[in-house]
Amino acid sequence: ASGTILRLNVMGWYRQAPGNKRELVASETSSGGTNYAGSVKGRF
């Protein structure tokens, strides 16, 4: 990330496969809390 950055509360990754909606893959808060899609837990 670049530009005017004060505090990025959450950073994460989404993905979109052809014909599918964009979905959350994983995210992390500024304090270290994480969230994963069930399909990637244990692998990502």
ModelCIF file with pLDDT and N, C-alpha, C, O atoms, coordinates in Angstrom:
data_MODEL
#
_entry.id   MODEL 
#
_entity.id                         1 
_entity.type                       polymer 
_entity.pdbx_number_of_molecules   1 
#
_entity_poly.entity_id                      1 
_entity_poly.type                           'polypeptide(L)' 
_entity_poly.nstd_linkage                   no 
_entity_poly.nstd_monomer                   no 
_entity_poly.pdbx_seq_one_letter_code       ASGTILRLNVMGWYRQAPGNKRELVASETSSGGTNYAGSVKGRF 
_entity_poly.pdbx_seq_one_letter_code_can   ASGTILRLNVMGWYRQAPGNKRELVASETSSGGTNYAGSVKGRF 
_entity_poly.pdbx_strand_id                 A 
#
loop_
_entity_poly_seq.entity_id 
_entity_poly_seq.num 
_entity_poly_seq.mon_id 
_entity_poly_seq.hetero 
1 1  ALA n 
1 2  SER n 
1 3  GLY n 
1 4  THR n 
1 5  ILE n 
1 6  LEU n 
1 7  ARG n 
1 8  LEU n 
1 9  ASN n 
1 10 VAL n 
1 11 MET n 
1 12 GLY n 
1 13 TRP n 
1 14 TYR n 
1 15 ARG n 
1 16 GLN n 
1 17 ALA n 
1 18 PRO n 
1 19 GLY n 
1 20 ASN n 
1 21 LYS n 
1 22 ARG n 
1 23 GLU n 
1 24 LEU n 
1 25 VAL n 
1 26 ALA n 
1 27 SER n 
1 28 GLU n 
1 29 THR n 
1 30 SER n 
1 31 SER n 
1 32 GLY n 
1 33 GLY n 
1 34 THR n 
1 35 ASN n 
1 36 TYR n 
1 37 ALA n 
1 38 GLY n 
1 39 SER n 
1 40 VAL n 
1 41 LYS n 
1 42 GLY n 
1 43 ARG n 
1 44 PHE n 
#
_struct_asym.id          A 
_struct_asym.entity_id   1 
#
loop_
_ma_qa_metric.id 
_ma_qa_metric.mode 
_ma_qa_metric.name 
_ma_qa_metric.software_group_id 
_ma_qa_metric.type 
1 global pLDDT . pLDDT 
2 local  pLDDT . pLDDT 
#
_ma_qa_metric_global.metric_id      1 
_ma_qa_metric_global.metric_value   94.86 
_ma_qa_metric_global.model_id       1 
_ma_qa_metric_global.ordinal_id     1 
#
loop_
_ma_qa_metric_local.label_asym_id 
_ma_qa_metric_local.label_comp_id 
_ma_qa_metric_local.label_seq_id 
_ma_qa_metric_local.metric_id 
_ma_qa_metric_local.metric_value 
_ma_qa_metric_local.model_id 
_ma_qa_metric_local.ordinal_id 
A ALA 1  2 95.00 1 1  
A SER 2  2 93.00 1 2  
A GLY 3  2 91.00 1 3  
A THR 4  2 87.00 1 4  
A ILE 5  2 87.00 1 5  
A LEU 6  2 87.00 1 6  
A ARG 7  2 88.00 1 7  
A LEU 8  2 88.00 1 8  
A ASN 9  2 91.00 1 9  
A VAL 10 2 95.00 1 10 
A MET 11 2 96.00 1 11 
A GLY 12 2 97.00 1 12 
A TRP 13 2 98.00 1 13 
A TYR 14 2 98.00 1 14 
A ARG 15 2 98.00 1 15 
A GLN 16 2 98.00 1 16 
A ALA 17 2 96.00 1 17 
A PRO 18 2 91.00 1 18 
A GLY 19 2 93.00 1 19 
A ASN 20 2 95.00 1 20 
A LYS 21 2 97.00 1 21 
A ARG 22 2 97.00 1 22 
A GLU 23 2 97.00 1 23 
A LEU 24 2 98.00 1 24 
A VAL 25 2 98.00 1 25 
A ALA 26 2 98.00 1 26 
A SER 27 2 97.00 1 27 
A GLU 28 2 96.00 1 28 
A THR 29 2 94.00 1 29 
A SER 30 2 91.00 1 30 
A SER 31 2 91.00 1 31 
A GLY 32 2 91.00 1 32 
A GLY 33 2 95.00 1 33 
A THR 34 2 97.00 1 34 
A ASN 35 2 97.00 1 35 
A TYR 36 2 98.00 1 36 
A ALA 37 2 97.00 1 37 
A GLY 38 2 97.00 1 38 
A SER 39 2 97.00 1 39 
A VAL 40 2 98.00 1 40 
A LYS 41 2 98.00 1 41 
A GLY 42 2 97.00 1 42 
A ARG 43 2 98.00 1 43 
A PHE 44 2 98.00 1 44 
#
loop_
_atom_site.group_PDB 
_atom_site.id 
_atom_site.type_symbol 
_atom_site.label_atom_id 
_atom_site.label_alt_id 
_atom_site.label_comp_id 
_atom_site.label_asym_id 
_atom_site.label_entity_id 
_atom_site.label_seq_id 
_atom_site.pdbx_PDB_ins_code 
_atom_site.Cartn_x 
_atom_site.Cartn_y 
_atom_site.Cartn_z 
_atom_site.occupancy 
_atom_site.B_iso_or_equiv 
_atom_site.pdbx_formal_charge 
_atom_site.auth_seq_id 
_atom_site.auth_comp_id 
_atom_site.auth_asym_id 
_atom_site.auth_atom_id 
_atom_site.pdbx_PDB_model_num 
ATOM 1   N N  . ALA A 1 1  ? 0.842   -1.194  0.000   1.00 95.00 ? 1  ALA A N  1 
ATOM 2   C CA . ALA A 1 1  ? 0.000   0.000   0.000   1.00 95.00 ? 1  ALA A CA 1 
ATOM 3   C C  . ALA A 1 1  ? 0.878   1.245   0.000   1.00 95.00 ? 1  ALA A C  1 
ATOM 4   O O  . ALA A 1 1  ? 1.929   1.285   0.641   1.00 95.00 ? 1  ALA A O  1 
ATOM 5   N N  . SER A 1 2  ? 0.426   2.258   -0.731  1.00 93.00 ? 2  SER A N  1 
ATOM 6   C CA . SER A 1 2  ? 1.147   3.525   -0.772  1.00 93.00 ? 2  SER A CA 1 
ATOM 7   C C  . SER A 1 2  ? 0.145   4.653   -0.804  1.00 93.00 ? 2  SER A C  1 
ATOM 8   O O  . SER A 1 2  ? -1.057  4.430   -0.950  1.00 93.00 ? 2  SER A O  1 
ATOM 9   N N  . GLY A 1 3  ? 0.647   5.872   -0.666  1.00 91.00 ? 3  GLY A N  1 
ATOM 10  C CA . GLY A 1 3  ? -0.240  7.021   -0.659  1.00 91.00 ? 3  GLY A CA 1 
ATOM 11  C C  . GLY A 1 3  ? -0.419  7.568   0.744   1.00 91.00 ? 3  GLY A C  1 
ATOM 12  O O  . GLY A 1 3  ? 0.467   7.449   1.590   1.00 91.00 ? 3  GLY A O  1 
ATOM 13  N N  . THR A 1 4  ? -1.569  8.165   0.981   1.00 87.00 ? 4  THR A N  1 
ATOM 14  C CA . THR A 1 4  ? -1.853  8.765   2.290   1.00 87.00 ? 4  THR A CA 1 
ATOM 15  C C  . THR A 1 4  ? -2.373  7.676   3.213   1.00 87.00 ? 4  THR A C  1 
ATOM 16  O O  . THR A 1 4  ? -3.554  7.330   3.185   1.00 87.00 ? 4  THR A O  1 
ATOM 17  N N  . ILE A 1 5  ? -1.490  7.149   4.017   1.00 87.00 ? 5  ILE A N  1 
ATOM 18  C CA . ILE A 1 5  ? -1.828  6.044   4.913   1.00 87.00 ? 5  ILE A CA 1 
ATOM 19  C C  . ILE A 1 5  ? -1.766  6.520   6.347   1.00 87.00 ? 5  ILE A C  1 
ATOM 20  O O  . ILE A 1 5  ? -0.719  6.952   6.830   1.00 87.00 ? 5  ILE A O  1 
ATOM 21  N N  . LEU A 1 6  ? -2.887  6.437   7.015   1.00 87.00 ? 6  LEU A N  1 
ATOM 22  C CA . LEU A 1 6  ? -2.948  6.779   8.437   1.00 87.00 ? 6  LEU A CA 1 
ATOM 23  C C  . LEU A 1 6  ? -2.924  5.496   9.256   1.00 87.00 ? 6  LEU A C  1 
ATOM 24  O O  . LEU A 1 6  ? -2.041  5.272   10.084  1.00 87.00 ? 6  LEU A O  1 
ATOM 25  N N  . ARG A 1 7  ? -3.924  4.665   8.997   1.00 88.00 ? 7  ARG A N  1 
ATOM 26  C CA . ARG A 1 7  ? -3.971  3.368   9.654   1.00 88.00 ? 7  ARG A CA 1 
ATOM 27  C C  . ARG A 1 7  ? -4.849  2.447   8.809   1.00 88.00 ? 7  ARG A C  1 
ATOM 28  O O  . ARG A 1 7  ? -6.035  2.708   8.610   1.00 88.00 ? 7  ARG A O  1 
ATOM 29  N N  . LEU A 1 8  ? -4.262  1.394   8.331   1.00 88.00 ? 8  LEU A N  1 
ATOM 30  C CA . LEU A 1 8  ? -5.016  0.411   7.552   1.00 88.00 ? 8  LEU A CA 1 
ATOM 31  C C  . LEU A 1 8  ? -5.617  -0.593  8.525   1.00 88.00 ? 8  LEU A C  1 
ATOM 32  O O  . LEU A 1 8  ? -4.938  -1.506  8.996   1.00 88.00 ? 8  LEU A O  1 
ATOM 33  N N  . ASN A 1 9  ? -6.888  -0.412  8.816   1.00 91.00 ? 9  ASN A N  1 
ATOM 34  C CA . ASN A 1 9  ? -7.528  -1.230  9.837   1.00 91.00 ? 9  ASN A CA 1 
ATOM 35  C C  . ASN A 1 9  ? -7.528  -2.708  9.466   1.00 91.00 ? 9  ASN A C  1 
ATOM 36  O O  . ASN A 1 9  ? -7.289  -3.584  10.298  1.00 91.00 ? 9  ASN A O  1 
ATOM 37  N N  . VAL A 1 10 ? -7.805  -2.955  8.180   1.00 95.00 ? 10 VAL A N  1 
ATOM 38  C CA . VAL A 1 10 ? -7.859  -4.336  7.699   1.00 95.00 ? 10 VAL A CA 1 
ATOM 39  C C  . VAL A 1 10 ? -7.146  -4.399  6.358   1.00 95.00 ? 10 VAL A C  1 
ATOM 40  O O  . VAL A 1 10 ? -7.304  -3.510  5.522   1.00 95.00 ? 10 VAL A O  1 
ATOM 41  N N  . MET A 1 11 ? -6.379  -5.427  6.158   1.00 96.00 ? 11 MET A N  1 
ATOM 42  C CA . MET A 1 11 ? -5.823  -5.742  4.849   1.00 96.00 ? 11 MET A CA 1 
ATOM 43  C C  . MET A 1 11 ? -6.150  -7.194  4.563   1.00 96.00 ? 11 MET A C  1 
ATOM 44  O O  . MET A 1 11 ? -6.155  -8.038  5.459   1.00 96.00 ? 11 MET A O  1 
ATOM 45  N N  . GLY A 1 12 ? -6.421  -7.467  3.299   1.00 97.00 ? 12 GLY A N  1 
ATOM 46  C CA . GLY A 1 12 ? -6.808  -8.835  3.003   1.00 97.00 ? 12 GLY A CA 1 
ATOM 47  C C  . GLY A 1 12 ? -6.744  -9.168  1.538   1.00 97.00 ? 12 GLY A C  1 
ATOM 48  O O  . GLY A 1 12 ? -6.290  -8.377  0.711   1.00 97.00 ? 12 GLY A O  1 
ATOM 49  N N  . TRP A 1 13 ? -7.211  -10.360 1.237   1.00 98.00 ? 13 TRP A N  1 
ATOM 50  C CA . TRP A 1 13 ? -7.221  -10.881 -0.118  1.00 98.00 ? 13 TRP A CA 1 
ATOM 51  C C  . TRP A 1 13 ? -8.602  -11.452 -0.441  1.00 98.00 ? 13 TRP A C  1 
ATOM 52  O O  . TRP A 1 13 ? -9.214  -12.157 0.362   1.00 98.00 ? 13 TRP A O  1 
ATOM 53  N N  . TYR A 1 14 ? -9.058  -11.126 -1.621  1.00 98.00 ? 14 TYR A N  1 
ATOM 54  C CA . TYR A 1 14 ? -10.267 -11.697 -2.184  1.00 98.00 ? 14 TYR A CA 1 
ATOM 55  C C  . TYR A 1 14 ? -9.879  -12.385 -3.490  1.00 98.00 ? 14 TYR A C  1 
ATOM 56  O O  . TYR A 1 14 ? -8.796  -12.153 -4.027  1.00 98.00 ? 14 TYR A O  1 
ATOM 57  N N  . ARG A 1 15 ? -10.763 -13.222 -3.986  1.00 98.00 ? 15 ARG A N  1 
ATOM 58  C CA . ARG A 1 15 ? -10.524 -13.828 -5.293  1.00 98.00 ? 15 ARG A CA 1 
ATOM 59  C C  . ARG A 1 15 ? -11.830 -13.953 -6.053  1.00 98.00 ? 15 ARG A C  1 
ATOM 60  O O  . ARG A 1 15 ? -12.918 -14.012 -5.480  1.00 98.00 ? 15 ARG A O  1 
ATOM 61  N N  . GLN A 1 16 ? -11.675 -13.990 -7.365  1.00 98.00 ? 16 GLN A N  1 
ATOM 62  C CA . GLN A 1 16 ? -12.839 -14.137 -8.236  1.00 98.00 ? 16 GLN A CA 1 
ATOM 63  C C  . GLN A 1 16 ? -12.480 -15.068 -9.372  1.00 98.00 ? 16 GLN A C  1 
ATOM 64  O O  . GLN A 1 16 ? -11.616 -14.769 -10.196 1.00 98.00 ? 16 GLN A O  1 
ATOM 65  N N  . ALA A 1 17 ? -13.157 -16.201 -9.399  1.00 96.00 ? 17 ALA A N  1 
ATOM 66  C CA . ALA A 1 17 ? -12.990 -17.158 -10.483 1.00 96.00 ? 17 ALA A CA 1 
ATOM 67  C C  . ALA A 1 17 ? -14.010 -16.850 -11.575 1.00 96.00 ? 17 ALA A C  1 
ATOM 68  O O  . ALA A 1 17 ? -15.038 -16.232 -11.296 1.00 96.00 ? 17 ALA A O  1 
ATOM 69  N N  . PRO A 1 18 ? -13.750 -17.265 -12.804 1.00 91.00 ? 18 PRO A N  1 
ATOM 70  C CA . PRO A 1 18 ? -14.697 -16.996 -13.897 1.00 91.00 ? 18 PRO A CA 1 
ATOM 71  C C  . PRO A 1 18 ? -16.097 -17.503 -13.562 1.00 91.00 ? 18 PRO A C  1 
ATOM 72  O O  . PRO A 1 18 ? -16.281 -18.658 -13.178 1.00 91.00 ? 18 PRO A O  1 
ATOM 73  N N  . GLY A 1 19 ? -17.073 -16.621 -13.713 1.00 93.00 ? 19 GLY A N  1 
ATOM 74  C CA . GLY A 1 19 ? -18.455 -16.991 -13.459 1.00 93.00 ? 19 GLY A CA 1 
ATOM 75  C C  . GLY A 1 19 ? -18.875 -16.951 -12.014 1.00 93.00 ? 19 GLY A C  1 
ATOM 76  O O  . GLY A 1 19 ? -20.035 -17.197 -11.683 1.00 93.00 ? 19 GLY A O  1 
ATOM 77  N N  . ASN A 1 20 ? -17.916 -16.635 -11.142 1.00 95.00 ? 20 ASN A N  1 
ATOM 78  C CA . ASN A 1 20 ? -18.217 -16.600 -9.706  1.00 95.00 ? 20 ASN A CA 1 
ATOM 79  C C  . ASN A 1 20 ? -18.162 -15.181 -9.163  1.00 95.00 ? 20 ASN A C  1 
ATOM 80  O O  . ASN A 1 20 ? -17.602 -14.274 -9.777  1.00 95.00 ? 20 ASN A O  1 
ATOM 81  N N  . LYS A 1 21 ? -18.758 -15.024 -7.996  1.00 97.00 ? 21 LYS A N  1 
ATOM 82  C CA . LYS A 1 21 ? -18.671 -13.735 -7.316  1.00 97.00 ? 21 LYS A CA 1 
ATOM 83  C C  . LYS A 1 21 ? -17.313 -13.625 -6.619  1.00 97.00 ? 21 LYS A C  1 
ATOM 84  O O  . LYS A 1 21 ? -16.664 -14.627 -6.319  1.00 97.00 ? 21 LYS A O  1 
ATOM 85  N N  . ARG A 1 22 ? -16.911 -12.402 -6.375  1.00 97.00 ? 22 ARG A N  1 
ATOM 86  C CA . ARG A 1 22 ? -15.682 -12.185 -5.615  1.00 97.00 ? 22 ARG A CA 1 
ATOM 87  C C  . ARG A 1 22 ? -15.921 -12.650 -4.173  1.00 97.00 ? 22 ARG A C  1 
ATOM 88  O O  . ARG A 1 22 ? -16.956 -12.361 -3.572  1.00 97.00 ? 22 ARG A O  1 
ATOM 89  N N  . GLU A 1 23 ? -14.952 -13.367 -3.648  1.00 97.00 ? 23 GLU A N  1 
ATOM 90  C CA . GLU A 1 23 ? -15.117 -13.908 -2.300  1.00 97.00 ? 23 GLU A CA 1 
ATOM 91  C C  . GLU A 1 23 ? -13.884 -13.621 -1.451  1.00 97.00 ? 23 GLU A C  1 
ATOM 92  O O  . GLU A 1 23 ? -12.769 -13.498 -1.958  1.00 97.00 ? 23 GLU A O  1 
ATOM 93  N N  . LEU A 1 24 ? -14.114 -13.519 -0.162  1.00 98.00 ? 24 LEU A N  1 
ATOM 94  C CA . LEU A 1 24 ? -13.014 -13.308 0.768   1.00 98.00 ? 24 LEU A CA 1 
ATOM 95  C C  . LEU A 1 24 ? -12.164 -14.568 0.845   1.00 98.00 ? 24 LEU A C  1 
ATOM 96  O O  . LEU A 1 24 ? -12.687 -15.678 0.949   1.00 98.00 ? 24 LEU A O  1 
ATOM 97  N N  . VAL A 1 25 ? -10.846 -14.384 0.793   1.00 98.00 ? 25 VAL A N  1 
ATOM 98  C CA . VAL A 1 25 ? -9.922  -15.484 1.010   1.00 98.00 ? 25 VAL A CA 1 
ATOM 99  C C  . VAL A 1 25 ? -9.381  -15.413 2.434   1.00 98.00 ? 25 VAL A C  1 
ATOM 100 O O  . VAL A 1 25 ? -9.463  -16.380 3.192   1.00 98.00 ? 25 VAL A O  1 
ATOM 101 N N  . ALA A 1 26 ? -8.829  -14.262 2.783   1.00 98.00 ? 26 ALA A N  1 
ATOM 102 C CA . ALA A 1 26 ? -8.270  -14.083 4.117   1.00 98.00 ? 26 ALA A CA 1 
ATOM 103 C C  . ALA A 1 26 ? -8.109  -12.604 4.394   1.00 98.00 ? 26 ALA A C  1 
ATOM 104 O O  . ALA A 1 26 ? -7.923  -11.805 3.476   1.00 98.00 ? 26 ALA A O  1 
ATOM 105 N N  . SER A 1 27 ? -8.182  -12.243 5.667   1.00 97.00 ? 27 SER A N  1 
ATOM 106 C CA . SER A 1 27 ? -7.963  -10.857 6.056   1.00 97.00 ? 27 SER A CA 1 
ATOM 107 C C  . SER A 1 27 ? -7.272  -10.811 7.407   1.00 97.00 ? 27 SER A C  1 
ATOM 108 O O  . SER A 1 27 ? -7.317  -11.762 8.187   1.00 97.00 ? 27 SER A O  1 
ATOM 109 N N  . GLU A 1 28 ? -6.635  -9.682  7.658   1.00 96.00 ? 28 GLU A N  1 
ATOM 110 C CA . GLU A 1 28 ? -5.947  -9.501  8.933   1.00 96.00 ? 28 GLU A CA 1 
ATOM 111 C C  . GLU A 1 28 ? -6.133  -8.066  9.383   1.00 96.00 ? 28 GLU A C  1 
ATOM 112 O O  . GLU A 1 28 ? -5.969  -7.133  8.597   1.00 96.00 ? 28 GLU A O  1 
ATOM 113 N N  . THR A 1 29 ? -6.471  -7.893  10.637  1.00 94.00 ? 29 THR A N  1 
ATOM 114 C CA . THR A 1 29 ? -6.623  -6.559  11.197  1.00 94.00 ? 29 THR A CA 1 
ATOM 115 C C  . THR A 1 29 ? -5.260  -5.996  11.590  1.00 94.00 ? 29 THR A C  1 
ATOM 116 O O  . THR A 1 29 ? -4.257  -6.709  11.602  1.00 94.00 ? 29 THR A O  1 
ATOM 117 N N  . SER A 1 30 ? -5.246  -4.717  11.907  1.00 91.00 ? 30 SER A N  1 
ATOM 118 C CA . SER A 1 30 ? -3.992  -4.086  12.306  1.00 91.00 ? 30 SER A CA 1 
ATOM 119 C C  . SER A 1 30 ? -3.460  -4.638  13.618  1.00 91.00 ? 30 SER A C  1 
ATOM 120 O O  . SER A 1 30 ? -2.273  -4.499  13.911  1.00 91.00 ? 30 SER A O  1 
ATOM 121 N N  . SER A 1 31 ? -4.316  -5.258  14.406  1.00 91.00 ? 31 SER A N  1 
ATOM 122 C CA . SER A 1 31 ? -3.887  -5.838  15.678  1.00 91.00 ? 31 SER A CA 1 
ATOM 123 C C  . SER A 1 31 ? -3.575  -7.324  15.569  1.00 91.00 ? 31 SER A C  1 
ATOM 124 O O  . SER A 1 31 ? -3.243  -7.966  16.566  1.00 91.00 ? 31 SER A O  1 
ATOM 125 N N  . GLY A 1 32 ? -3.680  -7.874  14.356  1.00 91.00 ? 32 GLY A N  1 
ATOM 126 C CA . GLY A 1 32 ? -3.261  -9.249  14.134  1.00 91.00 ? 32 GLY A CA 1 
ATOM 127 C C  . GLY A 1 32 ? -4.364  -10.287 14.076  1.00 91.00 ? 32 GLY A C  1 
ATOM 128 O O  . GLY A 1 32 ? -4.078  -11.474 13.915  1.00 91.00 ? 32 GLY A O  1 
ATOM 129 N N  . GLY A 1 33 ? -5.598  -9.879  14.202  1.00 95.00 ? 33 GLY A N  1 
ATOM 130 C CA . GLY A 1 33 ? -6.690  -10.827 14.088  1.00 95.00 ? 33 GLY A CA 1 
ATOM 131 C C  . GLY A 1 33 ? -6.871  -11.283 12.648  1.00 95.00 ? 33 GLY A C  1 
ATOM 132 O O  . GLY A 1 33 ? -6.844  -10.463 11.730  1.00 95.00 ? 33 GLY A O  1 
ATOM 133 N N  . THR A 1 34 ? -7.052  -12.569 12.445  1.00 97.00 ? 34 THR A N  1 
ATOM 134 C CA . THR A 1 34 ? -7.164  -13.104 11.089  1.00 97.00 ? 34 THR A CA 1 
ATOM 135 C C  . THR A 1 34 ? -8.502  -13.792 10.871  1.00 97.00 ? 34 THR A C  1 
ATOM 136 O O  . THR A 1 34 ? -9.162  -14.243 11.807  1.00 97.00 ? 34 THR A O  1 
ATOM 137 N N  . ASN A 1 35 ? -8.873  -13.852 9.603   1.00 97.00 ? 35 ASN A N  1 
ATOM 138 C CA . ASN A 1 35 ? -10.109 -14.508 9.195   1.00 97.00 ? 35 ASN A CA 1 
ATOM 139 C C  . ASN A 1 35 ? -9.826  -15.199 7.874   1.00 97.00 ? 35 ASN A C  1 
ATOM 140 O O  . ASN A 1 35 ? -9.237  -14.603 6.973   1.00 97.00 ? 35 ASN A O  1 
ATOM 141 N N  . TYR A 1 36 ? -10.244 -16.456 7.754   1.00 98.00 ? 36 TYR A N  1 
ATOM 142 C CA . TYR A 1 36 ? -9.988  -17.233 6.551   1.00 98.00 ? 36 TYR A CA 1 
ATOM 143 C C  . TYR A 1 36 ? -11.284 -17.835 6.021   1.00 98.00 ? 36 TYR A C  1 
ATOM 144 O O  . TYR A 1 36 ? -12.190 -18.172 6.783   1.00 98.00 ? 36 TYR A O  1 
ATOM 145 N N  . ALA A 1 37 ? -11.351 -17.960 4.719   1.00 97.00 ? 37 ALA A N  1 
ATOM 146 C CA . ALA A 1 37 ? -12.421 -18.752 4.117   1.00 97.00 ? 37 ALA A CA 1 
ATOM 147 C C  . ALA A 1 37 ? -12.186 -20.210 4.488   1.00 97.00 ? 37 ALA A C  1 
ATOM 148 O O  . ALA A 1 37 ? -11.047 -20.665 4.586   1.00 97.00 ? 37 ALA A O  1 
ATOM 149 N N  . GLY A 1 38 ? -13.275 -20.929 4.690   1.00 97.00 ? 38 GLY A N  1 
ATOM 150 C CA . GLY A 1 38 ? -13.148 -22.326 5.080   1.00 97.00 ? 38 GLY A CA 1 
ATOM 151 C C  . GLY A 1 38 ? -12.360 -23.156 4.087   1.00 97.00 ? 38 GLY A C  1 
ATOM 152 O O  . GLY A 1 38 ? -11.661 -24.098 4.462   1.00 97.00 ? 38 GLY A O  1 
ATOM 153 N N  . SER A 1 39 ? -12.478 -22.800 2.816   1.00 97.00 ? 39 SER A N  1 
ATOM 154 C CA . SER A 1 39 ? -11.837 -23.601 1.772   1.00 97.00 ? 39 SER A CA 1 
ATOM 155 C C  . SER A 1 39 ? -10.319 -23.472 1.755   1.00 97.00 ? 39 SER A C  1 
ATOM 156 O O  . SER A 1 39 ? -9.639  -24.276 1.117   1.00 97.00 ? 39 SER A O  1 
ATOM 157 N N  . VAL A 1 40 ? -9.780  -22.475 2.447   1.00 98.00 ? 40 VAL A N  1 
ATOM 158 C CA . VAL A 1 40 ? -8.327  -22.276 2.422   1.00 98.00 ? 40 VAL A CA 1 
ATOM 159 C C  . VAL A 1 40 ? -7.677  -22.472 3.782   1.00 98.00 ? 40 VAL A C  1 
ATOM 160 O O  . VAL A 1 40 ? -6.450  -22.442 3.888   1.00 98.00 ? 40 VAL A O  1 
ATOM 161 N N  . LYS A 1 41 ? -8.465  -22.671 4.810   1.00 98.00 ? 41 LYS A N  1 
ATOM 162 C CA . LYS A 1 41 ? -7.904  -22.864 6.153   1.00 98.00 ? 41 LYS A CA 1 
ATOM 163 C C  . LYS A 1 41 ? -6.947  -24.035 6.170   1.00 98.00 ? 41 LYS A C  1 
ATOM 164 O O  . LYS A 1 41 ? -7.234  -25.107 5.636   1.00 98.00 ? 41 LYS A O  1 
ATOM 165 N N  . GLY A 1 42 ? -5.803  -23.810 6.793   1.00 97.00 ? 42 GLY A N  1 
ATOM 166 C CA . GLY A 1 42 ? -4.795  -24.859 6.870   1.00 97.00 ? 42 GLY A CA 1 
ATOM 167 C C  . GLY A 1 42 ? -3.869  -24.907 5.671   1.00 97.00 ? 42 GLY A C  1 
ATOM 168 O O  . GLY A 1 42 ? -2.840  -25.582 5.713   1.00 97.00 ? 42 GLY A O  1 
ATOM 169 N N  . ARG A 1 43 ? -4.213  -24.204 4.607   1.00 98.00 ? 43 ARG A N  1 
ATOM 170 C CA . ARG A 1 43 ? -3.370  -24.187 3.405   1.00 98.00 ? 43 ARG A CA 1 
ATOM 171 C C  . ARG A 1 43 ? -2.792  -22.799 3.132   1.00 98.00 ? 43 ARG A C  1 
ATOM 172 O O  . ARG A 1 43 ? -1.655  -22.680 2.674   1.00 98.00 ? 43 ARG A O  1 
ATOM 173 N N  . PHE A 1 44 ? -3.559  -21.762 3.409   1.00 98.00 ? 44 PHE A N  1 
ATOM 174 C CA . PHE A 1 44 ? -3.134  -20.393 3.152   1.00 98.00 ? 44 PHE A CA 1 
ATOM 175 C C  . PHE A 1 44 ? -2.830  -19.700 4.480   1.00 98.00 ? 44 PHE A C  1 
ATOM 176 O O  . PHE A 1 44 ? -2.452  -18.528 4.493   1.00 98.00 ? 44 PHE A O  1 
#
